[in-house]
Amino acid sequence: MKGLVFPAKIANLSFPSGCCTLFFRSPTKFFSPALPYSISYPCRKLTGGRRGIGGLMSQSLSNPFSSQPESELLQALPSSKPKSPPPQLPWLIVGLGNPGKKYQGTRHNVGFEMLDALADAEGISMSTVNFKALFGKGVIGNIPIMLAKPQTYMNLSGESVGQIVSFYKIPLKQVLVIYDDLDLPFGKLRLLPKGGHGGHNGMRSIIDRLKGSRDFPRLRIGIGRPPGKMDTANFVLRQFNRQEQEELDHTFQTGIEAIRILLLEGINKSATFVNTQKSMEQLS
């Protein structure tokens, strides 16, 4: 019987006696143009079954990354871009008072005056009329702020404040209301994180419009008590004299610094700063 002629690629295959299986005796390396590596197996059993040589080849040419740890494979994957943080909601700073020249410079309007001083210090225009208020936008540090002077008269201030809070979805902890207080000595400031209206009609209106919530900070400016038997309504609508106005200017500067600390460092530091300040009279 003539010997069989084998192709050159399997010329080194031999048939052990009594066995129909094939073995590599001295195989050559297999090179694939698609893979930058070679694979050599010194002894591999070939069967004529379902897998055959194709199964051997697929097993031999397995994924070169399969032996790497899963953590390394995950690190090799392209990372997705981090999500940008949501836009920062602004602070709303409200000064209370009555509109019109008749009430300019009166005790009941110190909230307006403090807000004007803050707007001037931060370069914020208050010329826009919106939400029933003189309205302005700006920043302190990197904190966006909105300034509002309700033009509804004091007793209806909540109509303006409620609209702004609802439209811009401002958290109440970021709503600062500045107003006059009869119970504080003249020129004294007090910053509180929350509280009642204390008989102040403007604050009563705001709390009503905020569905009864009192959980918003407020900066109170002392205007003192009326002298003697003077009627309270007449007293709060009386204008300041020259000396009182000079002391108020000092109070406003303290208030501006307190607001900056509040926005940038928090209410605790701001309250400590405000509540330990000495008045102009104490400093002189």
C-alpha atoms as a PDB file:
ATOM      1  CA  MET A   1       0.000   0.000   0.000  1.00  0.00           C
ATOM      2  CA  LYS A   2       1.388   3.324  -1.011  1.00  0.00           C
ATOM      3  CA  GLY A   3       2.123   5.831   1.655  1.00  0.00           C
ATOM      4  CA  LEU A   4      -0.115   8.837   1.933  1.00  0.00           C
ATOM      5  CA  VAL A   5       1.210  12.214   0.964  1.00  0.00           C
ATOM      6  CA  PHE A   6       0.477  14.950   3.548  1.00  0.00           C
ATOM      7  CA  PRO A   7       0.517  18.651   3.012  1.00  0.00           C
ATOM      8  CA  ALA A   8       3.621  20.404   4.169  1.00  0.00           C
ATOM      9  CA  LYS A   9       1.852  22.028   7.140  1.00  0.00           C
ATOM     10  CA  ILE A  10       1.092  18.670   8.742  1.00  0.00           C
ATOM     11  CA  ALA A  11       4.166  16.814   7.568  1.00  0.00           C
ATOM     12  CA  ASN A  12       5.353  16.447  11.141  1.00  0.00           C
ATOM     13  CA  LEU A  13       2.219  14.663  12.284  1.00  0.00           C
ATOM     14  CA  SER A  14       2.617  10.986  13.180  1.00  0.00           C
ATOM     15  CA  PHE A  15       0.080   8.257  13.836  1.00  0.00           C
ATOM     16  CA  PRO A  16       0.803   6.211  16.955  1.00  0.00           C
ATOM     17  CA  SER A  17      -0.033   2.563  16.434  1.00  0.00           C
ATOM     18  CA  GLY A  18      -3.552   1.523  17.406  1.00  0.00           C
ATOM     19  CA  CYS A  19      -4.778   5.081  17.781  1.00  0.00           C
ATOM     20  CA  CYS A  20      -6.842   7.201  15.470  1.00  0.00           C
ATOM     21  CA  THR A  21      -5.957  10.454  17.169  1.00  0.00           C
ATOM     22  CA  LEU A  22      -3.385  12.936  15.966  1.00  0.00           C
ATOM     23  CA  PHE A  23      -0.690  14.681  18.004  1.00  0.00           C
ATOM     24  CA  PHE A  24       1.649  17.564  17.257  1.00  0.00           C
ATOM     25  CA  ARG A  25       5.221  16.299  17.563  1.00  0.00           C
ATOM     26  CA  SER A  26       7.056  19.537  16.872  1.00  0.00           C
ATOM     27  CA  PRO A  27       4.493  22.149  15.865  1.00  0.00           C
ATOM     28  CA  THR A  28       5.318  25.461  14.364  1.00  0.00           C
ATOM     29  CA  LYS A  29       4.150  28.784  15.678  1.00  0.00           C
ATOM     30  CA  PHE A  30       0.949  30.142  14.312  1.00  0.00           C
ATOM     31  CA  PHE A  31       0.911  33.757  13.238  1.00  0.00           C
ATOM     32  CA  SER A  32      -2.184  35.838  12.491  1.00  0.00           C
ATOM     33  CA  PRO A  33      -1.939  39.117  10.642  1.00  0.00           C
ATOM     34  CA  ALA A  34      -4.789  40.427  12.780  1.00  0.00           C
ATOM     35  CA  LEU A  35      -3.085  39.654  16.087  1.00  0.00           C
ATOM     36  CA  PRO A  36       0.260  41.070  17.227  1.00  0.00           C
ATOM     37  CA  TYR A  37       1.314  37.904  18.996  1.00  0.00           C
ATOM     38  CA  SER A  38       2.051  34.255  18.257  1.00  0.00           C
ATOM     39  CA  ILE A  39       0.671  31.156  19.907  1.00  0.00           C
ATOM     40  CA  SER A  40       2.487  27.862  20.254  1.00  0.00           C
ATOM     41  CA  TYR A  41       1.200  24.770  22.003  1.00  0.00           C
ATOM     42  CA  PRO A  42       3.810  21.954  22.237  1.00  0.00           C
ATOM     43  CA  CYS A  43       1.202  19.211  22.552  1.00  0.00           C
ATOM     44  CA  ARG A  44      -2.446  19.500  21.679  1.00  0.00           C
ATOM     45  CA  LYS A  45      -4.853  16.671  21.017  1.00  0.00           C
ATOM     46  CA  LEU A  46      -6.843  16.893  17.818  1.00  0.00           C
ATOM     47  CA  THR A  47     -10.118  15.027  17.567  1.00  0.00           C
ATOM     48  CA  GLY A  48     -12.407  14.453  14.689  1.00  0.00           C
ATOM     49  CA  GLY A  49     -15.453  15.372  16.739  1.00  0.00           C
ATOM     50  CA  ARG A  50     -17.716  18.337  16.602  1.00  0.00           C
ATOM     51  CA  ARG A  51     -15.029  20.840  17.682  1.00  0.00           C
ATOM     52  CA  GLY A  52     -12.166  19.522  15.563  1.00  0.00           C
ATOM     53  CA  ILE A  53      -9.396  21.786  14.431  1.00  0.00           C
ATOM     54  CA  GLY A  54     -11.766  24.770  14.374  1.00  0.00           C
ATOM     55  CA  GLY A  55     -12.416  24.318  18.085  1.00  0.00           C
ATOM     56  CA  LEU A  56      -8.671  24.119  18.711  1.00  0.00           C
ATOM     57  CA  MET A  57      -8.036  27.288  16.767  1.00  0.00           C
ATOM     58  CA  SER A  58     -10.790  29.246  18.523  1.00  0.00           C
ATOM     59  CA  GLN A  59      -9.465  28.017  21.851  1.00  0.00           C
ATOM     60  CA  SER A  60      -5.890  28.874  20.936  1.00  0.00           C
ATOM     61  CA  LEU A  61      -6.754  32.350  19.691  1.00  0.00           C
ATOM     62  CA  SER A  62      -8.649  33.367  22.791  1.00  0.00           C
ATOM     63  CA  ASN A  63      -8.980  37.046  23.861  1.00  0.00           C
ATOM     64  CA  PRO A  64      -5.535  38.229  25.020  1.00  0.00           C
ATOM     65  CA  PHE A  65      -7.242  40.247  27.789  1.00  0.00           C
ATOM     66  CA  SER A  66      -9.059  37.265  29.294  1.00  0.00           C
ATOM     67  CA  SER A  67      -6.286  36.634  31.807  1.00  0.00           C
ATOM     68  CA  GLN A  68      -6.349  40.238  33.085  1.00  0.00           C
ATOM     69  CA  PRO A  69      -8.205  41.060  36.317  1.00  0.00           C
ATOM     70  CA  GLU A  70     -11.651  42.575  35.875  1.00  0.00           C
ATOM     71  CA  SER A  71     -10.592  45.786  37.615  1.00  0.00           C
ATOM     72  CA  GLU A  72      -7.874  46.334  34.999  1.00  0.00           C
ATOM     73  CA  LEU A  73     -10.351  45.755  32.203  1.00  0.00           C
ATOM     74  CA  LEU A  74     -12.746  48.321  33.689  1.00  0.00           C
ATOM     75  CA  GLN A  75      -9.952  50.842  33.987  1.00  0.00           C
ATOM     76  CA  ALA A  76      -9.091  50.314  30.339  1.00  0.00           C
ATOM     77  CA  LEU A  77     -12.626  51.268  29.283  1.00  0.00           C
ATOM     78  CA  PRO A  78     -13.137  54.918  28.325  1.00  0.00           C
ATOM     79  CA  SER A  79     -14.588  56.822  31.286  1.00  0.00           C
ATOM     80  CA  SER A  80     -17.804  58.746  30.813  1.00  0.00           C
ATOM     81  CA  LYS A  81     -17.792  62.508  31.403  1.00  0.00           C
ATOM     82  CA  PRO A  82     -18.742  63.496  34.970  1.00  0.00           C
ATOM     83  CA  LYS A  83     -22.176  65.067  35.324  1.00  0.00           C
ATOM     84  CA  SER A  84     -22.119  68.805  35.800  1.00  0.00           C
ATOM     85  CA  PRO A  85     -23.600  69.976  39.116  1.00  0.00           C
ATOM     86  CA  PRO A  86     -27.078  71.535  39.025  1.00  0.00           C
ATOM     87  CA  PRO A  87     -27.176  75.329  38.736  1.00  0.00           C
ATOM     88  CA  GLN A  88     -26.946  77.115  42.064  1.00  0.00           C
ATOM     89  CA  LEU A  89     -30.204  78.688  43.214  1.00  0.00           C
ATOM     90  CA  PRO A  90     -29.929  82.406  44.024  1.00  0.00           C
ATOM     91  CA  TRP A  91     -30.423  84.119  47.338  1.00  0.00           C
ATOM     92  CA  LEU A  92     -33.328  86.552  47.559  1.00  0.00           C
ATOM     93  CA  ILE A  93     -32.600  89.592  49.729  1.00  0.00           C
ATOM     94  CA  VAL A  94     -35.643  91.741  50.464  1.00  0.00           C
ATOM     95  CA  GLY A  95     -35.703  95.194  52.044  1.00  0.00           C
ATOM     96  CA  LEU A  96     -39.061  96.311  53.430  1.00  0.00           C
ATOM     97  CA  GLY A  97     -40.472  99.828  53.276  1.00  0.00           C
ATOM     98  CA  ASN A  98     -43.110 102.039  51.700  1.00  0.00           C
ATOM     99  CA  PRO A  99     -42.761 103.439  48.156  1.00  0.00           C
ATOM    100  CA  GLY A 100     -42.856 107.132  47.303  1.00  0.00           C
ATOM    101  CA  LYS A 101     -40.991 110.277  48.304  1.00  0.00           C
ATOM    102  CA  LYS A 102     -43.273 110.802  51.277  1.00  0.00           C
ATOM    103  CA  TYR A 103     -41.651 107.866  53.076  1.00  0.00           C
ATOM    104  CA  GLN A 104     -38.023 108.315  52.031  1.00  0.00           C
ATOM    105  CA  GLY A 105     -35.654 108.605  54.961  1.00  0.00           C
ATOM    106  CA  THR A 106     -38.221 107.485  57.545  1.00  0.00           C
ATOM    107  CA  ARG A 107     -37.643 104.889  60.247  1.00  0.00           C
ATOM    108  CA  HIS A 108     -40.082 102.434  58.721  1.00  0.00           C
ATOM    109  CA  ASN A 109     -38.007 102.446  55.504  1.00  0.00           C
ATOM    110  CA  VAL A 110     -34.602 101.406  56.880  1.00  0.00           C
ATOM    111  CA  GLY A 111     -35.035  98.069  55.073  1.00  0.00           C
ATOM    112  CA  PHE A 112     -35.156  99.950  51.759  1.00  0.00           C
ATOM    113  CA  GLU A 113     -32.122 102.018  52.735  1.00  0.00           C
ATOM    114  CA  MET A 114     -30.065  98.983  53.731  1.00  0.00           C
ATOM    115  CA  LEU A 115     -30.860  97.325  50.404  1.00  0.00           C
ATOM    116  CA  ASP A 116     -29.885 100.481  48.497  1.00  0.00           C
ATOM    117  CA  ALA A 117     -26.560 100.546  50.364  1.00  0.00           C
ATOM    118  CA  LEU A 118     -25.956  96.876  49.502  1.00  0.00           C
ATOM    119  CA  ALA A 119     -26.822  97.453  45.822  1.00  0.00           C
ATOM    120  CA  ASP A 120     -24.416 100.403  45.647  1.00  0.00           C
ATOM    121  CA  ALA A 121     -21.623  98.434  47.343  1.00  0.00           C
ATOM    122  CA  GLU A 122     -22.003  95.470  44.961  1.00  0.00           C
ATOM    123  CA  GLY A 123     -22.715  97.496  41.796  1.00  0.00           C
ATOM    124  CA  ILE A 124     -26.219  96.098  41.275  1.00  0.00           C
ATOM    125  CA  SER A 125     -28.803  98.162  39.401  1.00  0.00           C
ATOM    126  CA  MET A 126     -32.253  98.354  40.993  1.00  0.00           C
ATOM    127  CA  SER A 127     -33.989 100.034  38.038  1.00  0.00           C
ATOM    128  CA  THR A 128     -36.084  97.036  36.910  1.00  0.00           C
ATOM    129  CA  VAL A 129     -39.703  96.753  38.052  1.00  0.00           C
ATOM    130  CA  ASN A 130     -40.797  93.124  38.334  1.00  0.00           C
ATOM    131  CA  PHE A 131     -42.954  91.034  40.686  1.00  0.00           C
ATOM    132  CA  LYS A 132     -44.433  94.250  42.120  1.00  0.00           C
ATOM    133  CA  ALA A 133     -40.968  95.308  43.268  1.00  0.00           C
ATOM    134  CA  LEU A 134     -37.882  97.254  42.301  1.00  0.00           C
ATOM    135  CA  PHE A 135     -35.694  94.351  41.302  1.00  0.00           C
ATOM    136  CA  GLY A 136     -32.009  93.686  40.642  1.00  0.00           C
ATOM    137  CA  LYS A 137     -29.681  90.741  40.038  1.00  0.00           C
ATOM    138  CA  GLY A 138     -25.986  90.296  40.763  1.00  0.00           C
ATOM    139  CA  VAL A 139     -23.427  88.202  42.619  1.00  0.00           C
ATOM    140  CA  ILE A 140     -21.562  88.353  45.906  1.00  0.00           C
ATOM    141  CA  GLY A 141     -18.376  86.337  45.528  1.00  0.00           C
ATOM    142  CA  ASN A 142     -19.618  83.424  43.425  1.00  0.00           C
ATOM    143  CA  ILE A 143     -23.138  83.435  44.916  1.00  0.00           C
ATOM    144  CA  PRO A 144     -25.990  84.678  42.691  1.00  0.00           C
ATOM    145  CA  ILE A 145     -28.347  87.089  44.431  1.00  0.00           C
ATOM    146  CA  MET A 146     -31.583  88.932  43.700  1.00  0.00           C
ATOM    147  CA  LEU A 147     -32.499  92.160  45.466  1.00  0.00           C
ATOM    148  CA  ALA A 148     -36.105  93.270  45.872  1.00  0.00           C
ATOM    149  CA  LYS A 149     -37.859  96.324  47.305  1.00  0.00           C
ATOM    150  CA  PRO A 150     -41.605  95.540  47.261  1.00  0.00           C
ATOM    151  CA  GLN A 151     -43.676  98.472  45.962  1.00  0.00           C
ATOM    152  CA  THR A 152     -46.966  97.198  47.386  1.00  0.00           C
ATOM    153  CA  TYR A 153     -46.704  99.214  50.615  1.00  0.00           C
ATOM    154  CA  MET A 154     -45.460  97.568  53.762  1.00  0.00           C
ATOM    155  CA  ASN A 155     -48.629  95.733  54.763  1.00  0.00           C
ATOM    156  CA  LEU A 156     -48.786  93.833  51.440  1.00  0.00           C
ATOM    157  CA  SER A 157     -45.085  92.990  51.065  1.00  0.00           C
ATOM    158  CA  GLY A 158     -45.896  89.268  50.917  1.00  0.00           C
ATOM    159  CA  GLU A 159     -47.569  89.657  47.523  1.00  0.00           C
ATOM    160  CA  SER A 160     -44.228  90.534  45.954  1.00  0.00           C
ATOM    161  CA  VAL A 161     -42.024  88.188  47.989  1.00  0.00           C
ATOM    162  CA  GLY A 162     -44.354  85.213  47.490  1.00  0.00           C
ATOM    163  CA  GLN A 163     -44.306  85.650  43.694  1.00  0.00           C
ATOM    164  CA  ILE A 164     -40.506  85.798  43.512  1.00  0.00           C
ATOM    165  CA  VAL A 165     -40.012  82.762  45.762  1.00  0.00           C
ATOM    166  CA  SER A 166     -42.562  80.739  43.776  1.00  0.00           C
ATOM    167  CA  PHE A 167     -41.280  81.738  40.322  1.00  0.00           C
ATOM    168  CA  TYR A 168     -37.604  81.049  41.034  1.00  0.00           C
ATOM    169  CA  LYS A 169     -38.250  78.121  43.415  1.00  0.00           C
ATOM    170  CA  ILE A 170     -35.982  79.678  46.044  1.00  0.00           C
ATOM    171  CA  PRO A 171     -35.520  77.660  49.254  1.00  0.00           C
ATOM    172  CA  LEU A 172     -36.784  79.631  52.236  1.00  0.00           C
ATOM    173  CA  LYS A 173     -33.420  79.265  53.954  1.00  0.00           C
ATOM    174  CA  GLN A 174     -32.090  81.490  51.125  1.00  0.00           C
ATOM    175  CA  VAL A 175     -34.619  84.291  51.618  1.00  0.00           C
ATOM    176  CA  LEU A 176     -33.277  87.132  53.774  1.00  0.00           C
ATOM    177  CA  VAL A 177     -35.722  89.859  54.840  1.00  0.00           C
ATOM    178  CA  ILE A 178     -34.401  93.177  56.182  1.00  0.00           C
ATOM    179  CA  TYR A 179     -36.744  95.391  58.206  1.00  0.00           C
ATOM    180  CA  ASP A 180     -37.058  97.878  61.070  1.00  0.00           C
ATOM    181  CA  ASP A 181     -37.540  96.786  64.680  1.00  0.00           C
ATOM    182  CA  LEU A 182     -38.916  98.925  67.516  1.00  0.00           C
ATOM    183  CA  ASP A 183     -37.642  96.553  70.184  1.00  0.00           C
ATOM    184  CA  LEU A 184     -33.954  96.998  69.303  1.00  0.00           C
ATOM    185  CA  PRO A 185     -31.940 100.051  70.323  1.00  0.00           C
ATOM    186  CA  PHE A 186     -31.349 102.513  67.522  1.00  0.00           C
ATOM    187  CA  GLY A 187     -28.684 101.341  65.056  1.00  0.00           C
ATOM    188  CA  LYS A 188     -28.418  97.841  66.547  1.00  0.00           C
ATOM    189  CA  LEU A 189     -28.566  94.792  64.246  1.00  0.00           C
ATOM    190  CA  ARG A 190     -29.851  91.303  64.940  1.00  0.00           C
ATOM    191  CA  LEU A 191     -29.618  88.341  62.535  1.00  0.00           C
ATOM    192  CA  LEU A 192     -31.811  85.298  63.187  1.00  0.00           C
ATOM    193  CA  PRO A 193     -32.308  82.105  61.138  1.00  0.00           C
ATOM    194  CA  LYS A 194     -36.094  82.132  61.686  1.00  0.00           C
ATOM    195  CA  GLY A 195     -38.814  83.540  63.922  1.00  0.00           C
ATOM    196  CA  GLY A 196     -42.235  85.173  64.064  1.00  0.00           C
ATOM    197  CA  HIS A 197     -43.436  88.520  62.751  1.00  0.00           C
ATOM    198  CA  GLY A 198     -43.105  90.330  66.112  1.00  0.00           C
ATOM    199  CA  GLY A 199     -46.083  92.542  65.291  1.00  0.00           C
ATOM    200  CA  HIS A 200     -44.460  93.830  62.086  1.00  0.00           C
ATOM    201  CA  ASN A 201     -47.128  94.017  59.389  1.00  0.00           C
ATOM    202  CA  GLY A 202     -44.709  93.541  56.517  1.00  0.00           C
ATOM    203  CA  MET A 203     -43.353  90.338  58.073  1.00  0.00           C
ATOM    204  CA  ARG A 204     -46.877  89.175  58.873  1.00  0.00           C
ATOM    205  CA  SER A 205     -47.807  89.547  55.188  1.00  0.00           C
ATOM    206  CA  ILE A 206     -44.711  87.613  54.038  1.00  0.00           C
ATOM    207  CA  ILE A 207     -45.319  84.731  56.462  1.00  0.00           C
ATOM    208  CA  ASP A 208     -48.950  84.506  55.304  1.00  0.00           C
ATOM    209  CA  ARG A 209     -47.881  84.344  51.637  1.00  0.00           C
ATOM    210  CA  LEU A 210     -45.291  81.664  52.424  1.00  0.00           C
ATOM    211  CA  LYS A 211     -48.123  79.456  53.731  1.00  0.00           C
ATOM    212  CA  GLY A 212     -47.372  80.240  57.341  1.00  0.00           C
ATOM    213  CA  SER A 213     -43.703  79.261  57.183  1.00  0.00           C
ATOM    214  CA  ARG A 214     -41.379  81.254  59.449  1.00  0.00           C
ATOM    215  CA  ASP A 215     -38.237  79.325  58.515  1.00  0.00           C
ATOM    216  CA  PHE A 216     -36.352  82.061  56.702  1.00  0.00           C
ATOM    217  CA  PRO A 217     -33.555  84.334  57.985  1.00  0.00           C
ATOM    218  CA  ARG A 218     -34.155  87.942  58.844  1.00  0.00           C
ATOM    219  CA  LEU A 219     -31.953  90.942  59.601  1.00  0.00           C
ATOM    220  CA  ARG A 220     -33.561  93.365  62.031  1.00  0.00           C
ATOM    221  CA  ILE A 221     -32.466  97.001  62.250  1.00  0.00           C
ATOM    222  CA  GLY A 222     -33.166  98.753  65.529  1.00  0.00           C
ATOM    223  CA  ILE A 223     -34.999 102.090  65.345  1.00  0.00           C
ATOM    224  CA  GLY A 224     -35.678 102.409  69.080  1.00  0.00           C
ATOM    225  CA  ARG A 225     -38.868 103.227  70.916  1.00  0.00           C
ATOM    226  CA  PRO A 226     -40.852 106.448  70.508  1.00  0.00           C
ATOM    227  CA  PRO A 227     -39.995 109.044  73.125  1.00  0.00           C
ATOM    228  CA  GLY A 228     -42.507 109.849  75.803  1.00  0.00           C
ATOM    229  CA  LYS A 229     -46.122 109.310  74.758  1.00  0.00           C
ATOM    230  CA  MET A 230     -45.530 109.712  71.018  1.00  0.00           C
ATOM    231  CA  ASP A 231     -47.797 107.548  68.889  1.00  0.00           C
ATOM    232  CA  THR A 232     -45.939 104.561  67.404  1.00  0.00           C
ATOM    233  CA  ALA A 233     -47.355 105.099  63.897  1.00  0.00           C
ATOM    234  CA  ASN A 234     -46.175 108.709  63.893  1.00  0.00           C
ATOM    235  CA  PHE A 235     -42.771 107.677  65.235  1.00  0.00           C
ATOM    236  CA  VAL A 236     -42.002 105.065  62.563  1.00  0.00           C
ATOM    237  CA  LEU A 237     -42.946 107.546  59.826  1.00  0.00           C
ATOM    238  CA  ARG A 238     -40.672 110.258  61.228  1.00  0.00           C
ATOM    239  CA  GLN A 239     -37.444 111.013  59.373  1.00  0.00           C
ATOM    240  CA  PHE A 240     -33.977 110.693  60.892  1.00  0.00           C
ATOM    241  CA  ASN A 241     -31.993 113.687  61.965  1.00  0.00           C
ATOM    242  CA  ARG A 242     -28.440 114.244  60.747  1.00  0.00           C
ATOM    243  CA  GLN A 243     -26.748 112.517  63.682  1.00  0.00           C
ATOM    244  CA  GLU A 244     -29.041 109.498  63.412  1.00  0.00           C
ATOM    245  CA  GLN A 245     -28.344 109.238  59.679  1.00  0.00           C
ATOM    246  CA  GLU A 246     -24.592 109.158  60.301  1.00  0.00           C
ATOM    247  CA  GLU A 247     -25.035 106.349  62.805  1.00  0.00           C
ATOM    248  CA  LEU A 248     -27.258 104.504  60.352  1.00  0.00           C
ATOM    249  CA  ASP A 249     -24.555 104.702  57.696  1.00  0.00           C
ATOM    250  CA  HIS A 250     -22.230 102.874  60.102  1.00  0.00           C
ATOM    251  CA  THR A 251     -25.002 100.314  60.747  1.00  0.00           C
ATOM    252  CA  PHE A 252     -25.468  99.773  57.009  1.00  0.00           C
ATOM    253  CA  GLN A 253     -21.767  99.054  56.496  1.00  0.00           C
ATOM    254  CA  THR A 254     -21.912  96.468  59.260  1.00  0.00           C
ATOM    255  CA  GLY A 255     -25.031  94.989  57.686  1.00  0.00           C
ATOM    256  CA  ILE A 256     -23.396  94.735  54.248  1.00  0.00           C
ATOM    257  CA  GLU A 257     -20.447  92.842  55.712  1.00  0.00           C
ATOM    258  CA  ALA A 258     -22.838  90.586  57.635  1.00  0.00           C
ATOM    259  CA  ILE A 259     -24.693  89.720  54.422  1.00  0.00           C
ATOM    260  CA  ARG A 260     -21.440  88.854  52.654  1.00  0.00           C
ATOM    261  CA  ILE A 261     -20.457  86.538  55.512  1.00  0.00           C
ATOM    262  CA  LEU A 262     -23.931  84.974  55.492  1.00  0.00           C
ATOM    263  CA  LEU A 263     -23.738  84.078  51.809  1.00  0.00           C
ATOM    264  CA  LEU A 264     -20.111  82.934  51.759  1.00  0.00           C
ATOM    265  CA  GLU A 265     -19.597  81.383  55.206  1.00  0.00           C
ATOM    266  CA  GLY A 266     -23.034  80.631  56.644  1.00  0.00           C
ATOM    267  CA  ILE A 267     -25.509  82.075  59.096  1.00  0.00           C
ATOM    268  CA  ASN A 268     -23.692  81.036  62.273  1.00  0.00           C
ATOM    269  CA  LYS A 269     -20.582  83.067  61.490  1.00  0.00           C
ATOM    270  CA  SER A 270     -22.666  85.956  60.220  1.00  0.00           C
ATOM    271  CA  ALA A 271     -24.888  86.011  63.312  1.00  0.00           C
ATOM    272  CA  THR A 272     -21.831  85.961  65.577  1.00  0.00           C
ATOM    273  CA  PHE A 273     -20.346  88.875  63.622  1.00  0.00           C
ATOM    274  CA  VAL A 274     -23.566  90.923  63.721  1.00  0.00           C
ATOM    275  CA  ASN A 275     -24.635  90.226  67.260  1.00  0.00           C
ATOM    276  CA  THR A 276     -21.246  91.133  68.769  1.00  0.00           C
ATOM    277  CA  GLN A 277     -20.776  94.409  66.874  1.00  0.00           C
ATOM    278  CA  LYS A 278     -20.640  97.632  68.831  1.00  0.00           C
ATOM    279  CA  SER A 279     -22.689 100.627  67.822  1.00  0.00           C
ATOM    280  CA  MET A 280     -21.107 103.865  66.620  1.00  0.00           C
ATOM    281  CA  GLU A 281     -21.929 105.454  69.986  1.00  0.00           C
ATOM    282  CA  GLN A 282     -20.088 102.652  71.829  1.00  0.00           C
ATOM    283  CA  LEU A 283     -17.057 103.005  69.545  1.00  0.00           C
ATOM    284  CA  SER A 284     -16.752 106.782  70.082  1.00  0.00           C
END
